[in-house]
Structure formats: C-alpha cells, structure tokens
Amino acid sequence: MMIQLSHGCHVAAEQIAEVTVSDYGNITVRTKGGVGHSVSNDYGDRSGYSTRDRLIAEINAARKNAA
C-alpha cells in the first residue's frame, strides 16, 4: 500500500524506515534506501506530532494488511 507524503509523493509502506519530527516541528520520512521526504503538518497541527502519529498509524495498518 502506498502512503501519501505530500501532493504527488507516495511511498510504499514497506519502504519506510523511520518518521521523525525535529525540534522545530518539521517531519521527515526516510526510506530504507536513505532518501528523506519532508512532510507538511496536517492543518492545525503546529507541533507535527499529531501528523507523525497519523502517518505511523497509516504505515502500520498498511503493513498489517500486507502480511
């Protein structure tokens, strides 16, 4: 299953290695190949943590469905 990271940018859930939030609230999704993708916060999420939690839930659900 593909996870939408931004407009026009989708990554297969099984290729995602980590999701991080910087001290400034910037979200980065890094693939197993080492490529980092910047992700915008969901509307109203100033810290980035709610967006991170949503992405992780989507990634875990996709991996569970693929198993």
N, C-alpha and C. Protein backbone atom coordinates (compact mmCIF):
# COMPACT_ATOMS: atom_id res chain seq x y z
N MET A 1 0.85 -1.17 0.00
CA MET A 1 0.00 0.00 0.00
C MET A 1 0.89 1.24 0.00
N MET A 2 0.48 2.22 -0.77
CA MET A 2 1.23 3.47 -0.87
C MET A 2 0.73 4.48 0.17
N ILE A 3 1.66 5.18 0.78
CA ILE A 3 1.35 6.22 1.76
C ILE A 3 1.63 7.57 1.11
N GLN A 4 0.64 8.47 1.15
CA GLN A 4 0.83 9.80 0.58
C GLN A 4 1.57 10.68 1.57
N LEU A 5 2.73 11.19 1.14
CA LEU A 5 3.53 12.06 1.99
C LEU A 5 3.28 13.53 1.68
N SER A 6 3.05 13.83 0.43
CA SER A 6 2.72 15.18 0.00
C SER A 6 2.01 15.07 -1.34
N HIS A 7 1.60 16.20 -1.87
CA HIS A 7 0.91 16.19 -3.16
C HIS A 7 1.83 15.59 -4.22
N GLY A 8 1.43 14.46 -4.77
CA GLY A 8 2.21 13.82 -5.82
C GLY A 8 3.35 12.93 -5.33
N CYS A 9 3.55 12.82 -4.03
CA CYS A 9 4.62 11.98 -3.49
C CYS A 9 4.02 10.85 -2.66
N HIS A 10 4.17 9.63 -3.17
CA HIS A 10 3.68 8.44 -2.48
C HIS A 10 4.85 7.48 -2.31
N VAL A 11 4.89 6.79 -1.17
CA VAL A 11 5.94 5.82 -0.89
C VAL A 11 5.27 4.54 -0.39
N ALA A 12 5.78 3.40 -0.84
CA ALA A 12 5.26 2.12 -0.36
C ALA A 12 5.56 1.98 1.13
N ALA A 13 4.57 1.55 1.89
CA ALA A 13 4.70 1.44 3.34
C ALA A 13 5.88 0.58 3.75
N GLU A 14 6.13 -0.50 3.01
CA GLU A 14 7.22 -1.40 3.37
C GLU A 14 8.60 -0.79 3.11
N GLN A 15 8.67 0.33 2.39
CA GLN A 15 9.94 1.00 2.12
C GLN A 15 10.28 2.09 3.14
N ILE A 16 9.35 2.39 4.07
CA ILE A 16 9.59 3.44 5.05
C ILE A 16 10.37 2.89 6.23
N ALA A 17 11.49 3.56 6.53
CA ALA A 17 12.36 3.12 7.62
C ALA A 17 12.10 3.89 8.90
N GLU A 18 11.84 5.21 8.80
CA GLU A 18 11.62 6.00 10.01
C GLU A 18 10.83 7.26 9.71
N VAL A 19 10.16 7.75 10.76
CA VAL A 19 9.43 9.01 10.71
C VAL A 19 9.93 9.83 11.90
N THR A 20 10.46 11.02 11.63
CA THR A 20 11.00 11.86 12.70
C THR A 20 10.38 13.25 12.67
N VAL A 21 10.35 13.87 13.85
CA VAL A 21 9.91 15.25 13.99
C VAL A 21 11.05 16.02 14.64
N SER A 22 11.49 17.10 14.00
CA SER A 22 12.59 17.90 14.55
C SER A 22 12.09 18.78 15.69
N ASP A 23 13.02 19.44 16.35
CA ASP A 23 12.67 20.37 17.43
C ASP A 23 11.77 21.50 16.94
N TYR A 24 11.83 21.78 15.64
CA TYR A 24 11.04 22.86 15.06
C TYR A 24 9.71 22.37 14.49
N GLY A 25 9.40 21.09 14.66
CA GLY A 25 8.14 20.53 14.19
C GLY A 25 8.16 20.07 12.75
N ASN A 26 9.34 20.04 12.12
CA ASN A 26 9.44 19.56 10.75
C ASN A 26 9.44 18.03 10.73
N ILE A 27 8.67 17.46 9.83
CA ILE A 27 8.53 16.00 9.74
C ILE A 27 9.35 15.49 8.56
N THR A 28 10.13 14.43 8.80
CA THR A 28 10.88 13.77 7.74
C THR A 28 10.55 12.29 7.76
N VAL A 29 10.23 11.76 6.58
CA VAL A 29 10.02 10.33 6.41
C VAL A 29 11.21 9.83 5.60
N ARG A 30 11.96 8.88 6.17
CA ARG A 30 13.14 8.35 5.49
C ARG A 30 12.86 6.92 5.03
N THR A 31 13.25 6.65 3.79
CA THR A 31 13.05 5.31 3.24
C THR A 31 14.24 4.42 3.58
N LYS A 32 14.07 3.13 3.36
CA LYS A 32 15.15 2.18 3.61
C LYS A 32 16.35 2.45 2.71
N GLY A 33 16.12 3.11 1.57
CA GLY A 33 17.21 3.47 0.67
C GLY A 33 17.95 4.73 1.09
N GLY A 34 17.49 5.36 2.19
CA GLY A 34 18.16 6.54 2.72
C GLY A 34 17.61 7.87 2.23
N VAL A 35 16.61 7.85 1.37
CA VAL A 35 16.04 9.08 0.84
C VAL A 35 15.08 9.67 1.87
N GLY A 36 15.24 10.97 2.15
CA GLY A 36 14.36 11.65 3.10
C GLY A 36 13.33 12.49 2.38
N HIS A 37 12.09 12.43 2.85
CA HIS A 37 11.00 13.22 2.28
C HIS A 37 10.44 14.13 3.37
N SER A 38 10.35 15.42 3.07
CA SER A 38 9.76 16.37 4.00
C SER A 38 8.25 16.29 3.89
N VAL A 39 7.56 16.28 5.02
CA VAL A 39 6.10 16.17 5.05
C VAL A 39 5.53 17.38 5.78
N SER A 40 4.53 18.02 5.17
CA SER A 40 3.88 19.16 5.82
C SER A 40 2.97 18.67 6.93
N ASN A 41 2.86 19.48 7.98
CA ASN A 41 1.96 19.15 9.08
C ASN A 41 0.51 19.21 8.60
N ASP A 42 -0.33 18.37 9.19
CA ASP A 42 -1.76 18.46 8.93
C ASP A 42 -2.26 19.82 9.39
N TYR A 43 -3.33 20.29 8.78
CA TYR A 43 -3.89 21.59 9.14
C TYR A 43 -4.18 21.65 10.64
N GLY A 44 -3.69 22.69 11.30
CA GLY A 44 -3.94 22.88 12.72
C GLY A 44 -2.94 22.20 13.64
N ASP A 45 -2.05 21.38 13.08
CA ASP A 45 -1.06 20.67 13.90
C ASP A 45 0.24 21.46 13.89
N ARG A 46 0.44 22.28 14.89
CA ARG A 46 1.62 23.15 14.92
C ARG A 46 2.89 22.40 15.31
N SER A 47 2.77 21.34 16.10
CA SER A 47 3.95 20.64 16.59
C SER A 47 4.44 19.55 15.64
N GLY A 48 3.57 19.00 14.83
CA GLY A 48 3.94 17.91 13.94
C GLY A 48 3.72 16.54 14.53
N TYR A 49 3.51 16.45 15.84
CA TYR A 49 3.38 15.14 16.47
C TYR A 49 2.08 14.43 16.10
N SER A 50 1.00 15.16 15.96
CA SER A 50 -0.27 14.53 15.55
C SER A 50 -0.17 14.00 14.13
N THR A 51 0.49 14.77 13.26
CA THR A 51 0.69 14.32 11.89
C THR A 51 1.58 13.08 11.87
N ARG A 52 2.63 13.08 12.68
CA ARG A 52 3.51 11.91 12.78
C ARG A 52 2.73 10.69 13.23
N ASP A 53 1.90 10.86 14.25
CA ASP A 53 1.11 9.74 14.77
C ASP A 53 0.16 9.20 13.71
N ARG A 54 -0.45 10.10 12.91
CA ARG A 54 -1.35 9.67 11.83
C ARG A 54 -0.57 8.88 10.78
N LEU A 55 0.60 9.39 10.38
CA LEU A 55 1.41 8.69 9.39
C LEU A 55 1.82 7.30 9.89
N ILE A 56 2.25 7.21 11.13
CA ILE A 56 2.66 5.92 11.68
C ILE A 56 1.49 4.95 11.73
N ALA A 57 0.31 5.44 12.08
CA ALA A 57 -0.88 4.57 12.10
C ALA A 57 -1.19 4.06 10.69
N GLU A 58 -1.08 4.93 9.68
CA GLU A 58 -1.31 4.51 8.29
C GLU A 58 -0.27 3.49 7.84
N ILE A 59 0.98 3.73 8.18
CA ILE A 59 2.06 2.81 7.81
C ILE A 59 1.85 1.45 8.46
N ASN A 60 1.56 1.43 9.76
CA ASN A 60 1.34 0.17 10.47
C ASN A 60 0.14 -0.59 9.93
N ALA A 61 -0.95 0.13 9.62
CA ALA A 61 -2.14 -0.52 9.05
C ALA A 61 -1.83 -1.13 7.69
N ALA A 62 -1.07 -0.42 6.87
CA ALA A 62 -0.71 -0.93 5.55
C ALA A 62 0.17 -2.17 5.67
N ARG A 63 1.11 -2.14 6.59
CA ARG A 63 1.99 -3.30 6.78
C ARG A 63 1.22 -4.50 7.31
N LYS A 64 0.26 -4.25 8.20
CA LYS A 64 -0.55 -5.33 8.76
C LYS A 64 -1.40 -5.96 7.67
N ASN A 65 -1.99 -5.14 6.81
CA ASN A 65 -2.84 -5.65 5.73
C ASN A 65 -2.03 -6.40 4.68
N ALA A 66 -0.76 -6.05 4.53
CA ALA A 66 0.10 -6.71 3.55
C ALA A 66 0.59 -8.07 4.04
N ALA A 67 0.57 -8.26 5.36
CA ALA A 67 1.10 -9.51 5.93
C ALA A 67 0.15 -10.67 5.80
